[in-house]
N, C-alpha and C. Protein backbone atom coordinates (compact mmCIF):
# COMPACT_ATOMS: atom_id res chain seq x y z
N MET A 1 38.91 150.66 109.59
CA MET A 1 37.34 150.76 110.41
C MET A 1 37.71 152.31 110.45
N THR A 2 38.89 153.27 110.53
CA THR A 2 38.91 154.50 110.67
C THR A 2 38.07 155.03 109.42
N THR A 3 37.87 154.23 108.49
CA THR A 3 37.20 155.07 106.89
C THR A 3 36.19 154.72 106.64
N GLY A 4 35.51 154.38 107.63
CA GLY A 4 33.95 153.87 107.43
C GLY A 4 33.90 152.81 107.17
N HIS A 5 34.98 151.83 106.89
CA HIS A 5 34.59 150.48 106.42
C HIS A 5 35.20 149.39 107.34
N ASN A 6 33.88 149.20 107.72
CA ASN A 6 33.65 148.37 109.13
C ASN A 6 33.77 146.78 108.86
N VAL A 7 34.85 146.35 108.24
CA VAL A 7 34.64 144.75 107.79
C VAL A 7 35.95 144.50 108.48
N ALA A 8 36.33 143.10 109.10
CA ALA A 8 37.74 142.93 109.80
C ALA A 8 37.83 141.44 109.53
N ASP A 9 38.63 140.71 109.11
CA ASP A 9 39.17 139.23 109.25
C ASP A 9 39.99 139.23 110.56
N LEU A 10 39.82 138.27 110.91
CA LEU A 10 40.27 137.70 112.54
C LEU A 10 40.82 136.17 112.26
N VAL A 11 42.04 135.93 112.55
CA VAL A 11 42.42 134.52 112.32
C VAL A 11 42.57 133.90 113.89
N VAL A 12 41.70 132.96 114.00
CA VAL A 12 42.22 132.48 115.73
C VAL A 12 42.68 130.97 115.56
N THR A 13 44.14 131.16 116.26
CA THR A 13 44.92 129.60 116.16
C THR A 13 44.39 128.92 117.54
N LEU A 14 43.95 127.55 117.02
CA LEU A 14 43.48 126.97 118.43
C LEU A 14 44.60 125.57 118.53
N LYS A 15 44.54 125.36 119.85
CA LYS A 15 45.70 124.08 119.97
C LYS A 15 44.93 123.09 119.77
N ILE A 16 43.80 123.18 119.41
CA ILE A 16 42.84 122.00 119.54
C ILE A 16 42.70 121.23 117.98
N LEU A 17 42.43 120.28 117.46
CA LEU A 17 42.07 119.68 116.32
C LEU A 17 40.40 120.26 115.85
N PRO A 18 40.43 121.33 115.38
CA PRO A 18 38.70 121.96 115.38
C PRO A 18 38.17 121.30 114.11
N THR A 19 37.19 121.12 114.71
CA THR A 19 35.68 120.26 114.23
C THR A 19 34.68 121.60 113.91
N LEU A 20 33.48 120.80 113.10
CA LEU A 20 32.67 121.96 112.65
C LEU A 20 32.06 122.27 113.98
N GLU A 21 31.60 121.36 114.84
CA GLU A 21 30.98 121.40 116.11
C GLU A 21 31.84 122.49 116.95
N ALA A 22 33.31 122.56 117.06
CA ALA A 22 33.93 123.23 117.88
C ALA A 22 34.04 125.03 117.27
N LEU A 23 33.54 124.92 116.14
CA LEU A 23 33.68 126.34 115.21
C LEU A 23 32.31 126.77 115.50
N ALA A 24 31.13 125.95 115.60
CA ALA A 24 30.02 126.35 115.64
C ALA A 24 30.18 126.92 117.47
N ALA A 25 30.35 125.90 118.21
CA ALA A 25 30.42 126.44 119.61
C ALA A 25 31.32 127.86 120.04
N LEU A 26 32.60 127.69 119.41
CA LEU A 26 33.02 129.13 119.54
C LEU A 26 32.41 130.31 118.95
N GLY A 27 31.41 130.33 117.79
CA GLY A 27 31.07 131.57 117.30
C GLY A 27 30.05 131.77 118.08
N GLU A 28 28.94 130.99 118.78
CA GLU A 28 28.02 131.10 120.02
C GLU A 28 28.48 132.00 121.39
N LYS A 29 29.65 131.34 121.40
CA LYS A 29 30.43 131.96 122.55
C LYS A 29 30.61 133.50 122.24
N VAL A 30 31.18 133.87 121.00
CA VAL A 30 31.58 135.08 120.86
C VAL A 30 30.05 135.90 120.68
N VAL A 31 29.22 135.58 120.10
CA VAL A 31 27.60 136.28 119.75
C VAL A 31 27.33 136.63 121.38
N GLU A 32 27.34 135.42 122.26
CA GLU A 32 26.83 135.34 123.23
C GLU A 32 27.19 136.55 123.97
N SER A 33 28.97 136.55 124.26
CA SER A 33 29.43 137.94 124.78
C SER A 33 29.41 139.22 123.77
N LEU A 34 29.01 139.17 122.92
CA LEU A 34 28.83 140.62 122.51
C LEU A 34 27.73 141.16 122.74
N ARG A 35 26.90 140.18 122.85
CA ARG A 35 25.10 140.34 123.12
C ARG A 35 25.53 140.94 124.91
N ALA A 36 26.02 140.36 125.55
CA ALA A 36 26.14 140.91 126.67
C ALA A 36 26.69 141.95 127.05
N GLN A 37 27.29 142.51 126.45
CA GLN A 37 28.05 144.00 126.09
C GLN A 37 27.03 144.69 125.37
N HIS A 38 26.37 144.58 124.57
CA HIS A 38 25.58 145.34 124.06
C HIS A 38 24.24 144.65 123.24
N PRO A 39 23.34 144.48 124.39
CA PRO A 39 22.14 143.83 124.28
C PRO A 39 21.16 144.50 123.28
N SER A 40 21.25 145.47 123.10
CA SER A 40 20.49 146.03 122.01
C SER A 40 20.80 146.01 120.62
N GLU A 41 22.22 145.28 120.69
CA GLU A 41 22.83 144.99 119.32
C GLU A 41 22.27 143.64 118.20
N VAL A 42 21.79 144.03 117.23
CA VAL A 42 21.11 143.18 116.48
C VAL A 42 22.21 142.21 115.70
N LEU A 43 22.84 141.02 116.10
CA LEU A 43 23.82 140.47 115.66
C LEU A 43 23.32 139.13 114.81
N THR A 44 24.13 138.72 113.77
CA THR A 44 23.89 137.35 112.86
C THR A 44 25.19 136.89 112.62
N MET A 45 24.80 135.41 112.84
CA MET A 45 26.09 134.64 112.35
C MET A 45 26.20 133.73 111.48
N LEU A 46 27.02 133.36 110.49
CA LEU A 46 27.11 132.73 109.45
C LEU A 46 27.97 131.65 109.81
N ASN A 47 27.67 130.39 110.00
CA ASN A 47 28.68 129.16 109.95
C ASN A 47 28.96 128.43 108.74
N ASP A 48 30.08 128.42 108.08
CA ASP A 48 30.25 127.61 107.10
C ASP A 48 31.49 126.83 107.32
N GLU A 49 32.32 126.07 106.49
CA GLU A 49 33.19 124.90 106.36
C GLU A 49 34.89 126.08 106.34
N THR A 50 34.79 127.08 106.19
CA THR A 50 35.60 127.86 106.20
C THR A 50 35.95 128.76 107.47
N GLY A 51 34.93 129.06 108.39
CA GLY A 51 34.99 129.62 109.25
C GLY A 51 33.83 130.49 109.81
N LEU A 52 33.51 131.61 110.49
CA LEU A 52 32.29 131.98 110.74
C LEU A 52 32.41 133.45 110.43
N GLU A 53 31.05 134.37 110.09
CA GLU A 53 31.40 135.64 110.10
C GLU A 53 30.08 136.29 111.09
N ILE A 54 30.36 137.10 111.54
CA ILE A 54 29.73 137.86 112.71
C ILE A 54 29.22 139.17 112.33
N SER A 55 28.21 139.58 111.98
CA SER A 55 27.74 141.12 111.42
C SER A 55 26.62 141.45 112.49
N SER A 56 26.44 143.19 112.23
CA SER A 56 25.68 143.65 112.62
C SER A 56 24.98 144.68 111.68
N SER A 57 24.27 145.69 112.13
CA SER A 57 23.72 146.50 111.07
C SER A 57 25.10 147.65 110.66
N ASP A 58 26.25 147.70 111.38
CA ASP A 58 27.26 148.62 110.84
C ASP A 58 28.58 147.96 110.83
N ALA A 59 28.54 146.64 110.96
CA ALA A 59 30.15 146.11 111.15
C ALA A 59 30.21 144.52 111.05
N ALA A 60 31.18 144.38 110.29
CA ALA A 60 31.28 142.78 110.20
C ALA A 60 32.55 142.18 110.58
N VAL A 61 32.85 140.71 111.19
CA VAL A 61 33.81 140.37 111.10
C VAL A 61 34.09 139.10 110.47
N LYS A 62 34.92 138.48 109.71
CA LYS A 62 35.24 137.28 109.52
C LYS A 62 36.33 136.32 110.41
N ILE A 63 35.72 135.26 110.79
CA ILE A 63 36.70 134.76 112.00
C ILE A 63 37.20 133.38 111.09
N LEU A 64 38.38 133.14 110.87
CA LEU A 64 39.18 132.33 110.44
C LEU A 64 39.63 131.41 111.25
N ILE A 65 39.44 130.17 111.24
CA ILE A 65 40.28 128.98 111.74
C ILE A 65 41.62 128.74 111.47
N MET A 66 42.53 128.35 112.69
CA MET A 66 43.94 128.02 112.07
C MET A 66 44.11 126.76 113.51
N THR A 67 45.02 125.88 113.18
CA THR A 67 45.32 125.16 114.33
C THR A 67 46.94 125.17 114.22
N VAL A 68 47.51 124.59 115.46
CA VAL A 68 49.25 124.50 115.44
C VAL A 68 49.59 123.38 114.33
N PRO A 69 50.58 123.79 113.92
CA PRO A 69 51.00 123.01 112.65
C PRO A 69 51.16 121.27 112.99
N PRO A 70 51.73 121.17 114.32
CA PRO A 70 51.62 119.57 114.34
C PRO A 70 50.34 118.99 114.07
N ASN A 71 49.42 119.79 114.48
CA ASN A 71 47.99 119.11 114.25
C ASN A 71 47.64 118.84 112.91
N LEU A 72 48.32 119.40 111.88
CA LEU A 72 47.95 119.31 110.64
C LEU A 72 48.01 117.89 110.25
N ARG A 73 48.78 117.06 110.71
CA ARG A 73 49.09 115.90 109.82
C ARG A 73 48.20 114.98 111.00
N LYS A 74 47.28 115.21 111.57
CA LYS A 74 46.49 114.39 112.36
C LYS A 74 45.05 114.56 111.88
N LEU A 75 44.74 115.67 110.93
CA LEU A 75 43.51 115.74 110.36
C LEU A 75 42.74 114.59 109.98
N GLY A 76 41.40 114.46 110.53
CA GLY A 76 40.71 113.48 109.61
C GLY A 76 39.79 113.88 108.89
N PRO A 77 39.61 113.64 107.69
CA PRO A 77 38.70 114.16 106.54
C PRO A 77 37.44 114.43 107.16
N GLU A 78 36.66 113.18 107.79
CA GLU A 78 35.47 113.42 108.07
C GLU A 78 35.18 114.02 109.51
N LEU A 79 35.84 114.58 110.09
CA LEU A 79 35.62 115.00 111.39
C LEU A 79 36.32 116.24 111.42
N HIS A 80 37.38 116.52 110.70
CA HIS A 80 37.94 118.00 111.29
C HIS A 80 37.70 118.82 109.91
N LEU A 81 38.19 120.11 110.23
CA LEU A 81 37.81 120.96 108.87
C LEU A 81 38.71 120.52 107.70
N ASP A 82 38.91 120.80 106.61
CA ASP A 82 39.52 120.73 105.15
C ASP A 82 41.08 121.51 105.56
N ILE A 83 42.19 121.20 105.22
CA ILE A 83 43.23 121.48 105.24
C ILE A 83 43.90 122.86 104.91
N LYS A 84 42.97 122.91 103.27
CA LYS A 84 42.74 123.82 102.59
C LYS A 84 41.88 125.31 103.64
N VAL A 85 41.38 125.17 104.74
CA VAL A 85 40.97 126.20 105.55
C VAL A 85 42.05 126.61 106.08
N PHE A 86 43.06 125.61 106.91
CA PHE A 86 44.00 126.22 107.35
C PHE A 86 45.12 127.03 106.61
N GLN A 87 45.21 126.71 105.52
CA GLN A 87 46.39 127.08 104.72
C GLN A 87 45.76 128.28 104.37
N SER A 88 44.39 128.43 103.85
CA SER A 88 44.14 130.33 103.77
C SER A 88 44.01 130.81 105.05
N ALA A 89 43.93 130.60 106.09
CA ALA A 89 44.06 131.30 107.49
C ALA A 89 45.12 131.45 107.65
N LEU A 90 46.23 130.47 107.39
CA LEU A 90 47.78 131.02 107.61
C LEU A 90 48.31 131.95 106.14
N ALA A 91 47.53 131.81 105.37
CA ALA A 91 47.97 132.94 103.77
C ALA A 91 47.71 133.87 104.39
N ALA A 92 46.18 134.40 105.51
CA ALA A 92 45.70 135.50 106.02
C ALA A 92 46.61 136.13 106.97
N ILE A 93 47.47 135.44 107.70
CA ILE A 93 48.25 135.82 108.43
C ILE A 93 49.41 136.40 107.92
């Protein structure tokens, strides 16, 4: 960011088993908090099965989701995010 390239990746580790609904709720909470701090800033949020991307006119952050390792055995394919999402977040760390 000091060189003018305002793009960042952030890995969030949750204690719970993340669902797409939990991911969307987390994104909305982050955007709400940012809007409270900077009301004039135009923010956009993209939500997909790999995480979130929140961006403004001059910066962007990709939020990758991870869970604690014991939860990986409890993942349900229809309810939770895909295990490959967690593996890529772990690789990003």
